[in-house]
Amino acid sequence: MQSLEEYGNNYLAELKKRSSQSRVSKSYQLVGLEIAGMLGDFKNKSLYIKLAKQHGEDKMRRLAKSVLDRKNLKNPAAYFMKVLHSE
């Protein structure tokens, strides 16, 4: 029988192992994460996942790529949201 300390150490090791694994199960989740990475806005990754689900994955990808083509933007994430909501 394991002692409580050994059980706790094994449990913490298992949690660390799980946290390093990806939990993406739907395609719109992956698209949302890609967009967050492209725009450099990982803080709001759940927002991009939600938007990819609502507005469609292809539309969101195209919009993010068109925003990134503009080189003189200071905040591409803010411009992305402005363009998305103006459509």
C-alpha atoms as a PDB file:
ATOM      1  CA  MET A   1       0.000   0.000   0.000  1.00  0.00           C
ATOM      2  CA  GLN A   2       1.266   3.474  -0.906  1.00  0.00           C
ATOM      3  CA  SER A   3       1.832   6.046   1.751  1.00  0.00           C
ATOM      4  CA  LEU A   4      -0.082   9.284   1.509  1.00  0.00           C
ATOM      5  CA  GLU A   5       3.073  11.174   0.529  1.00  0.00           C
ATOM      6  CA  GLU A   6       3.876   8.762  -2.306  1.00  0.00           C
ATOM      7  CA  TYR A   7       0.289   8.936  -3.537  1.00  0.00           C
ATOM      8  CA  GLY A   8       0.430  12.741  -3.481  1.00  0.00           C
ATOM      9  CA  ASN A   9       3.696  12.816  -5.417  1.00  0.00           C
ATOM     10  CA  ASN A  10       2.323  10.419  -8.046  1.00  0.00           C
ATOM     11  CA  TYR A  11      -0.832  12.496  -8.348  1.00  0.00           C
ATOM     12  CA  LEU A  12       1.125  15.724  -8.862  1.00  0.00           C
ATOM     13  CA  ALA A  13       3.329  14.052 -11.472  1.00  0.00           C
ATOM     14  CA  GLU A  14       0.213  12.869 -13.318  1.00  0.00           C
ATOM     15  CA  LEU A  15      -1.258  16.383 -13.258  1.00  0.00           C
ATOM     16  CA  LYS A  16       1.950  17.831 -14.728  1.00  0.00           C
ATOM     17  CA  LYS A  17       1.895  15.212 -17.461  1.00  0.00           C
ATOM     18  CA  ARG A  18      -1.744  15.982 -18.321  1.00  0.00           C
ATOM     19  CA  SER A  19      -1.192  19.740 -18.436  1.00  0.00           C
ATOM     20  CA  SER A  20       1.428  19.372 -21.148  1.00  0.00           C
ATOM     21  CA  GLN A  21      -0.952  17.453 -23.432  1.00  0.00           C
ATOM     22  CA  SER A  22      -3.219  19.213 -25.898  1.00  0.00           C
ATOM     23  CA  ARG A  23      -6.949  19.132 -25.267  1.00  0.00           C
ATOM     24  CA  VAL A  24      -8.134  20.289 -28.677  1.00  0.00           C
ATOM     25  CA  SER A  25     -10.996  18.086 -29.783  1.00  0.00           C
ATOM     26  CA  LYS A  26     -12.922  20.249 -32.274  1.00  0.00           C
ATOM     27  CA  SER A  27     -11.656  21.929 -35.421  1.00  0.00           C
ATOM     28  CA  TYR A  28     -12.921  25.365 -34.383  1.00  0.00           C
ATOM     29  CA  GLN A  29     -10.823  25.115 -31.211  1.00  0.00           C
ATOM     30  CA  LEU A  30      -7.709  24.603 -33.286  1.00  0.00           C
ATOM     31  CA  VAL A  31      -8.620  27.513 -35.564  1.00  0.00           C
ATOM     32  CA  GLY A  32      -9.200  29.770 -32.566  1.00  0.00           C
ATOM     33  CA  LEU A  33      -5.803  28.873 -31.150  1.00  0.00           C
ATOM     34  CA  GLU A  34      -4.148  29.435 -34.532  1.00  0.00           C
ATOM     35  CA  ILE A  35      -5.716  32.878 -34.811  1.00  0.00           C
ATOM     36  CA  ALA A  36      -4.633  33.780 -31.274  1.00  0.00           C
ATOM     37  CA  GLY A  37      -1.095  32.768 -32.221  1.00  0.00           C
ATOM     38  CA  MET A  38      -1.154  34.664 -35.507  1.00  0.00           C
ATOM     39  CA  LEU A  39      -2.350  37.837 -33.795  1.00  0.00           C
ATOM     40  CA  GLY A  40      -0.106  37.359 -30.755  1.00  0.00           C
ATOM     41  CA  ASP A  41      -3.054  37.494 -28.371  1.00  0.00           C
ATOM     42  CA  PHE A  42      -2.997  34.266 -26.351  1.00  0.00           C
ATOM     43  CA  LYS A  43      -4.588  36.055 -23.430  1.00  0.00           C
ATOM     44  CA  ASN A  44      -7.897  36.042 -25.324  1.00  0.00           C
ATOM     45  CA  LYS A  45      -7.626  32.618 -26.952  1.00  0.00           C
ATOM     46  CA  SER A  46     -11.035  31.526 -25.647  1.00  0.00           C
ATOM     47  CA  LEU A  47     -12.605  34.515 -27.417  1.00  0.00           C
ATOM     48  CA  TYR A  48     -11.068  33.470 -30.738  1.00  0.00           C
ATOM     49  CA  ILE A  49     -12.295  29.909 -30.220  1.00  0.00           C
ATOM     50  CA  LYS A  50     -15.805  31.221 -29.592  1.00  0.00           C
ATOM     51  CA  LEU A  51     -15.668  33.477 -32.649  1.00  0.00           C
ATOM     52  CA  ALA A  52     -14.430  30.623 -34.855  1.00  0.00           C
ATOM     53  CA  LYS A  53     -17.385  28.555 -33.704  1.00  0.00           C
ATOM     54  CA  GLN A  54     -19.905  31.348 -34.308  1.00  0.00           C
ATOM     55  CA  HIS A  55     -18.641  32.894 -37.535  1.00  0.00           C
ATOM     56  CA  GLY A  56     -17.044  29.924 -39.263  1.00  0.00           C
ATOM     57  CA  GLU A  57     -13.488  28.734 -39.397  1.00  0.00           C
ATOM     58  CA  ASP A  58     -12.687  29.755 -42.977  1.00  0.00           C
ATOM     59  CA  LYS A  59     -14.000  33.289 -42.575  1.00  0.00           C
ATOM     60  CA  MET A  60     -11.978  33.792 -39.409  1.00  0.00           C
ATOM     61  CA  ARG A  61      -8.781  32.462 -40.974  1.00  0.00           C
ATOM     62  CA  ARG A  62      -9.186  34.671 -44.055  1.00  0.00           C
ATOM     63  CA  LEU A  63      -9.822  37.722 -41.899  1.00  0.00           C
ATOM     64  CA  ALA A  64      -6.794  37.050 -39.692  1.00  0.00           C
ATOM     65  CA  LYS A  65      -4.554  36.614 -42.741  1.00  0.00           C
ATOM     66  CA  SER A  66      -5.813  39.836 -44.296  1.00  0.00           C
ATOM     67  CA  VAL A  67      -5.147  41.692 -41.032  1.00  0.00           C
ATOM     68  CA  LEU A  68      -1.621  40.306 -40.895  1.00  0.00           C
ATOM     69  CA  ASP A  69      -0.952  41.510 -44.447  1.00  0.00           C
ATOM     70  CA  ARG A  70      -1.160  45.069 -43.151  1.00  0.00           C
ATOM     71  CA  LYS A  71       2.348  45.783 -41.909  1.00  0.00           C
ATOM     72  CA  ASN A  72       1.802  49.133 -40.177  1.00  0.00           C
ATOM     73  CA  LEU A  73      -0.639  47.984 -37.466  1.00  0.00           C
ATOM     74  CA  LYS A  74       0.341  48.532 -33.850  1.00  0.00           C
ATOM     75  CA  ASN A  75      -2.312  46.195 -32.457  1.00  0.00           C
ATOM     76  CA  PRO A  76      -3.454  43.595 -35.021  1.00  0.00           C
ATOM     77  CA  ALA A  77      -5.821  41.927 -32.537  1.00  0.00           C
ATOM     78  CA  ALA A  78      -7.775  45.142 -31.992  1.00  0.00           C
ATOM     79  CA  TYR A  79      -7.960  45.790 -35.725  1.00  0.00           C
ATOM     80  CA  PHE A  80      -9.140  42.203 -36.259  1.00  0.00           C
ATOM     81  CA  MET A  81     -12.012  42.725 -33.827  1.00  0.00           C
ATOM     82  CA  LYS A  82     -12.926  46.067 -35.410  1.00  0.00           C
ATOM     83  CA  VAL A  83     -13.058  44.569 -38.895  1.00  0.00           C
ATOM     84  CA  LEU A  84     -14.976  41.512 -37.692  1.00  0.00           C
ATOM     85  CA  HIS A  85     -17.674  43.589 -36.033  1.00  0.00           C
ATOM     86  CA  SER A  86     -17.961  46.010 -38.956  1.00  0.00           C
ATOM     87  CA  GLU A  87     -18.947  43.199 -41.348  1.00  0.00           C
END
